[in-house]
Amino acid sequence: TSHRYVANRVANILGKPIKELKIITAHIGNGASVAAVKYGRSVDTSMGFTPLEGLV
């Protein structure tokens, strides 16, 4: 998914393992969403039942 790709890309750019990072990712495309990623796992997201609900 988009958030997974971004989280892994950030880890790669920073030269750190994803399991050491706490980051927030943003996806702005057909819909919009943000996700809190802690140690490589999504712990919260702005999405409701679908990604098209967007940001509130």
PDB file of N, CA and C in Angstrom:
ATOM      1  N   THR A   1       0.830  -1.187   0.000  1.00  0.00           N
ATOM      2  CA  THR A   1       0.000   0.000   0.000  1.00  0.00           C
ATOM      3  C   THR A   1       0.868   1.241   0.000  1.00  0.00           C
ATOM      4  N   SER A   2       0.270   2.349  -0.186  1.00  0.00           N
ATOM      5  CA  SER A   2       0.956   3.626  -0.251  1.00  0.00           C
ATOM      6  C   SER A   2       1.679   3.965   1.051  1.00  0.00           C
ATOM      7  N   HIS A   3       0.999   3.788   2.179  1.00  0.00           N
ATOM      8  CA  HIS A   3       1.614   4.124   3.471  1.00  0.00           C
ATOM      9  C   HIS A   3       2.787   3.197   3.770  1.00  0.00           C
ATOM     10  N   ARG A   4       2.660   1.939   3.433  1.00  0.00           N
ATOM     11  CA  ARG A   4       3.765   0.991   3.649  1.00  0.00           C
ATOM     12  C   ARG A   4       4.973   1.401   2.811  1.00  0.00           C
ATOM     13  N   TYR A   5       4.723   1.729   1.558  1.00  0.00           N
ATOM     14  CA  TYR A   5       5.815   2.145   0.673  1.00  0.00           C
ATOM     15  C   TYR A   5       6.518   3.378   1.231  1.00  0.00           C
ATOM     16  N   VAL A   6       5.750   4.380   1.616  1.00  0.00           N
ATOM     17  CA  VAL A   6       6.335   5.628   2.123  1.00  0.00           C
ATOM     18  C   VAL A   6       7.133   5.370   3.401  1.00  0.00           C
ATOM     19  N   ALA A   7       6.595   4.583   4.307  1.00  0.00           N
ATOM     20  CA  ALA A   7       7.301   4.285   5.561  1.00  0.00           C
ATOM     21  C   ALA A   7       8.629   3.586   5.277  1.00  0.00           C
ATOM     22  N   ASN A   8       8.613   2.612   4.381  1.00  0.00           N
ATOM     23  CA  ASN A   8       9.851   1.906   4.038  1.00  0.00           C
ATOM     24  C   ASN A   8      10.829   2.810   3.297  1.00  0.00           C
ATOM     25  N   ARG A   9      10.317   3.681   2.474  1.00  0.00           N
ATOM     26  CA  ARG A   9      11.175   4.615   1.732  1.00  0.00           C
ATOM     27  C   ARG A   9      11.851   5.601   2.690  1.00  0.00           C
ATOM     28  N   VAL A  10      11.106   6.099   3.664  1.00  0.00           N
ATOM     29  CA  VAL A  10      11.683   7.010   4.664  1.00  0.00           C
ATOM     30  C   VAL A  10      12.790   6.306   5.444  1.00  0.00           C
ATOM     31  N   ALA A  11      12.535   5.076   5.860  1.00  0.00           N
ATOM     32  CA  ALA A  11      13.551   4.310   6.587  1.00  0.00           C
ATOM     33  C   ALA A  11      14.809   4.163   5.736  1.00  0.00           C
ATOM     34  N   ASN A  12      14.621   3.883   4.458  1.00  0.00           N
ATOM     35  CA  ASN A  12      15.751   3.734   3.548  1.00  0.00           C
ATOM     36  C   ASN A  12      16.523   5.043   3.416  1.00  0.00           C
ATOM     37  N   ILE A  13      15.824   6.145   3.231  1.00  0.00           N
ATOM     38  CA  ILE A  13      16.477   7.453   3.091  1.00  0.00           C
ATOM     39  C   ILE A  13      17.232   7.828   4.363  1.00  0.00           C
ATOM     40  N   LEU A  14      16.641   7.549   5.522  1.00  0.00           N
ATOM     41  CA  LEU A  14      17.288   7.870   6.798  1.00  0.00           C
ATOM     42  C   LEU A  14      18.391   6.890   7.163  1.00  0.00           C
ATOM     43  N   GLY A  15      18.415   5.740   6.485  1.00  0.00           N
ATOM     44  CA  GLY A  15      19.419   4.723   6.791  1.00  0.00           C
ATOM     45  C   GLY A  15      19.172   4.040   8.117  1.00  0.00           C
ATOM     46  N   LYS A  16      17.893   3.934   8.501  1.00  0.00           N
ATOM     47  CA  LYS A  16      17.533   3.305   9.773  1.00  0.00           C
ATOM     48  C   LYS A  16      16.536   2.184   9.526  1.00  0.00           C
ATOM     49  N   PRO A  17      16.547   1.171  10.377  1.00  0.00           N
ATOM     50  CA  PRO A  17      15.540   0.113  10.251  1.00  0.00           C
ATOM     51  C   PRO A  17      14.145   0.662  10.552  1.00  0.00           C
ATOM     52  N   ILE A  18      13.159   0.217   9.799  1.00  0.00           N
ATOM     53  CA  ILE A  18      11.777   0.661   9.996  1.00  0.00           C
ATOM     54  C   ILE A  18      11.316   0.370  11.422  1.00  0.00           C
ATOM     55  N   LYS A  19      11.846  -0.674  12.028  1.00  0.00           N
ATOM     56  CA  LYS A  19      11.420  -1.065  13.376  1.00  0.00           C
ATOM     57  C   LYS A  19      11.939  -0.124  14.458  1.00  0.00           C
ATOM     58  N   GLU A  20      12.733   0.875  14.069  1.00  0.00           N
ATOM     59  CA  GLU A  20      13.222   1.870  15.032  1.00  0.00           C
ATOM     60  C   GLU A  20      12.509   3.215  14.901  1.00  0.00           C
ATOM     61  N   LEU A  21      11.622   3.338  13.915  1.00  0.00           N
ATOM     62  CA  LEU A  21      11.044   4.648  13.602  1.00  0.00           C
ATOM     63  C   LEU A  21       9.593   4.794  14.026  1.00  0.00           C
ATOM     64  N   LYS A  22       9.243   6.006  14.399  1.00  0.00           N
ATOM     65  CA  LYS A  22       7.851   6.414  14.620  1.00  0.00           C
ATOM     66  C   LYS A  22       7.619   7.591  13.684  1.00  0.00           C
ATOM     67  N   ILE A  23       6.753   7.394  12.674  1.00  0.00           N
ATOM     68  CA  ILE A  23       6.552   8.425  11.661  1.00  0.00           C
ATOM     69  C   ILE A  23       5.070   8.588  11.335  1.00  0.00           C
ATOM     70  N   ILE A  24       4.766   9.674  10.673  1.00  0.00           N
ATOM     71  CA  ILE A  24       3.417   9.909  10.158  1.00  0.00           C
ATOM     72  C   ILE A  24       3.540  10.006   8.646  1.00  0.00           C
ATOM     73  N   THR A  25       2.729   9.218   7.942  1.00  0.00           N
ATOM     74  CA  THR A  25       2.741   9.250   6.484  1.00  0.00           C
ATOM     75  C   THR A  25       1.466   9.904   5.979  1.00  0.00           C
ATOM     76  N   ALA A  26       1.565  10.537   4.816  1.00  0.00           N
ATOM     77  CA  ALA A  26       0.405  11.179   4.198  1.00  0.00           C
ATOM     78  C   ALA A  26       0.262  10.680   2.770  1.00  0.00           C
ATOM     79  N   HIS A  27      -0.950  10.344   2.380  1.00  0.00           N
ATOM     80  CA  HIS A  27      -1.253   9.953   1.005  1.00  0.00           C
ATOM     81  C   HIS A  27      -2.254  10.951   0.452  1.00  0.00           C
ATOM     82  N   ILE A  28      -1.862  11.604  -0.616  1.00  0.00           N
ATOM     83  CA  ILE A  28      -2.755  12.553  -1.270  1.00  0.00           C
ATOM     84  C   ILE A  28      -2.815  12.146  -2.732  1.00  0.00           C
ATOM     85  N   GLY A  29      -3.953  11.626  -3.126  1.00  0.00           N
ATOM     86  CA  GLY A  29      -4.136  11.161  -4.500  1.00  0.00           C
ATOM     87  C   GLY A  29      -5.602  11.232  -4.838  1.00  0.00           C
ATOM     88  N   ASN A  30      -6.163  10.093  -5.245  1.00  0.00           N
ATOM     89  CA  ASN A  30      -7.593  10.035  -5.530  1.00  0.00           C
ATOM     90  C   ASN A  30      -8.398  10.319  -4.261  1.00  0.00           C
ATOM     91  N   GLY A  31      -7.871   9.901  -3.127  1.00  0.00           N
ATOM     92  CA  GLY A  31      -8.408  10.220  -1.807  1.00  0.00           C
ATOM     93  C   GLY A  31      -7.261  10.788  -0.994  1.00  0.00           C
ATOM     94  N   ALA A  32      -7.479  11.104   0.257  1.00  0.00           N
ATOM     95  CA  ALA A  32      -6.406  11.611   1.110  1.00  0.00           C
ATOM     96  C   ALA A  32      -6.494  10.935   2.467  1.00  0.00           C
ATOM     97  N   SER A  33      -5.337  10.555   3.008  1.00  0.00           N
ATOM     98  CA  SER A  33      -5.323   9.925   4.324  1.00  0.00           C
ATOM     99  C   SER A  33      -3.959  10.122   4.965  1.00  0.00           C
ATOM    100  N   VAL A  34      -3.924  10.020   6.277  1.00  0.00           N
ATOM    101  CA  VAL A  34      -2.673  10.009   7.025  1.00  0.00           C
ATOM    102  C   VAL A  34      -2.673   8.774   7.909  1.00  0.00           C
ATOM    103  N   ALA A  35      -1.474   8.311   8.229  1.00  0.00           N
ATOM    104  CA  ALA A  35      -1.349   7.141   9.094  1.00  0.00           C
ATOM    105  C   ALA A  35      -0.179   7.344  10.047  1.00  0.00           C
ATOM    106  N   ALA A  36      -0.359   6.910  11.283  1.00  0.00           N
ATOM    107  CA  ALA A  36       0.725   6.896  12.257  1.00  0.00           C
ATOM    108  C   ALA A  36       1.357   5.516  12.186  1.00  0.00           C
ATOM    109  N   VAL A  37       2.667   5.482  11.934  1.00  0.00           N
ATOM    110  CA  VAL A  37       3.387   4.220  11.795  1.00  0.00           C
ATOM    111  C   VAL A  37       4.413   4.147  12.915  1.00  0.00           C
ATOM    112  N   LYS A  38       4.259   3.161  13.769  1.00  0.00           N
ATOM    113  CA  LYS A  38       5.156   2.982  14.912  1.00  0.00           C
ATOM    114  C   LYS A  38       5.870   1.650  14.760  1.00  0.00           C
ATOM    115  N   TYR A  39       7.195   1.734  14.613  1.00  0.00           N
ATOM    116  CA  TYR A  39       8.036   0.549  14.482  1.00  0.00           C
ATOM    117  C   TYR A  39       7.585  -0.363  13.341  1.00  0.00           C
ATOM    118  N   GLY A  40       7.147   0.248  12.235  1.00  0.00           N
ATOM    119  CA  GLY A  40       6.784  -0.520  11.049  1.00  0.00           C
ATOM    120  C   GLY A  40       5.342  -0.972  10.970  1.00  0.00           C
ATOM    121  N   ARG A  41       4.536  -0.639  11.976  1.00  0.00           N
ATOM    122  CA  ARG A  41       3.125  -1.036  11.978  1.00  0.00           C
ATOM    123  C   ARG A  41       2.234   0.190  12.074  1.00  0.00           C
ATOM    124  N   SER A  42       1.167   0.172  11.306  1.00  0.00           N
ATOM    125  CA  SER A  42       0.201   1.261  11.365  1.00  0.00           C
ATOM    126  C   SER A  42      -0.570   1.153  12.676  1.00  0.00           C
ATOM    127  N   VAL A  43      -0.539   2.222  13.474  1.00  0.00           N
ATOM    128  CA  VAL A  43      -1.234   2.195  14.764  1.00  0.00           C
ATOM    129  C   VAL A  43      -2.474   3.071  14.773  1.00  0.00           C
ATOM    130  N   ASP A  44      -2.582   3.971  13.781  1.00  0.00           N
ATOM    131  CA  ASP A  44      -3.779   4.798  13.664  1.00  0.00           C
ATOM    132  C   ASP A  44      -3.842   5.344  12.252  1.00  0.00           C
ATOM    133  N   THR A  45      -5.042   5.642  11.810  1.00  0.00           N
ATOM    134  CA  THR A  45      -5.241   6.150  10.461  1.00  0.00           C
ATOM    135  C   THR A  45      -6.435   7.094  10.432  1.00  0.00           C
ATOM    136  N   SER A  46      -6.446   7.967   9.448  1.00  0.00           N
ATOM    137  CA  SER A  46      -7.571   8.890   9.302  1.00  0.00           C
ATOM    138  C   SER A  46      -8.722   8.254   8.525  1.00  0.00           C
ATOM    139  N   MET A  47      -8.501   7.070   7.994  1.00  0.00           N
ATOM    140  CA  MET A  47      -9.516   6.430   7.159  1.00  0.00           C
ATOM    141  C   MET A  47     -10.668   5.862   7.980  1.00  0.00           C
ATOM    142  N   GLY A  48     -11.864   5.984   7.448  1.00  0.00           N
ATOM    143  CA  GLY A  48     -13.045   5.372   8.052  1.00  0.00           C
ATOM    144  C   GLY A  48     -13.250   4.007   7.424  1.00  0.00           C
ATOM    145  N   PHE A  49     -14.401   3.809   6.814  1.00  0.00           N
ATOM    146  CA  PHE A  49     -14.679   2.542   6.150  1.00  0.00           C
ATOM    147  C   PHE A  49     -13.977   2.429   4.808  1.00  0.00           C
ATOM    148  N   THR A  50     -13.665   3.561   4.174  1.00  0.00           N
ATOM    149  CA  THR A  50     -12.946   3.549   2.899  1.00  0.00           C
ATOM    150  C   THR A  50     -11.920   4.674   2.899  1.00  0.00           C
ATOM    151  N   PRO A  51     -10.879   4.563   2.065  1.00  0.00           N
ATOM    152  CA  PRO A  51      -9.891   5.631   1.973  1.00  0.00           C
ATOM    153  C   PRO A  51     -10.459   6.925   1.397  1.00  0.00           C
ATOM    154  N   LEU A  52     -11.598   6.860   0.725  1.00  0.00           N
ATOM    155  CA  LEU A  52     -12.164   8.045   0.090  1.00  0.00           C
ATOM    156  C   LEU A  52     -12.823   8.998   1.077  1.00  0.00           C
ATOM    157  N   GLU A  53     -12.961   8.585   2.337  1.00  0.00           N
ATOM    158  CA  GLU A  53     -13.558   9.478   3.333  1.00  0.00           C
ATOM    159  C   GLU A  53     -12.669  10.677   3.606  1.00  0.00           C
ATOM    160  N   GLY A  54     -11.377  10.532   3.363  1.00  0.00           N
ATOM    161  CA  GLY A  54     -10.460  11.664   3.425  1.00  0.00           C
ATOM    162  C   GLY A  54     -10.105  12.116   4.826  1.00  0.00           C
ATOM    163  N   LEU A  55      -9.611  13.335   4.894  1.00  0.00           N
ATOM    164  CA  LEU A  55      -9.160  13.924   6.153  1.00  0.00           C
ATOM    165  C   LEU A  55     -10.248  14.800   6.729  1.00  0.00           C
ATOM    166  N   VAL A  56     -10.392  14.749   8.034  1.00  0.00           N
ATOM    167  CA  VAL A  56     -11.411  15.557   8.702  1.00  0.00           C
ATOM    168  C   VAL A  56     -10.721  16.615   9.534  1.00  0.00           C
TER     169      VAL A  56
END
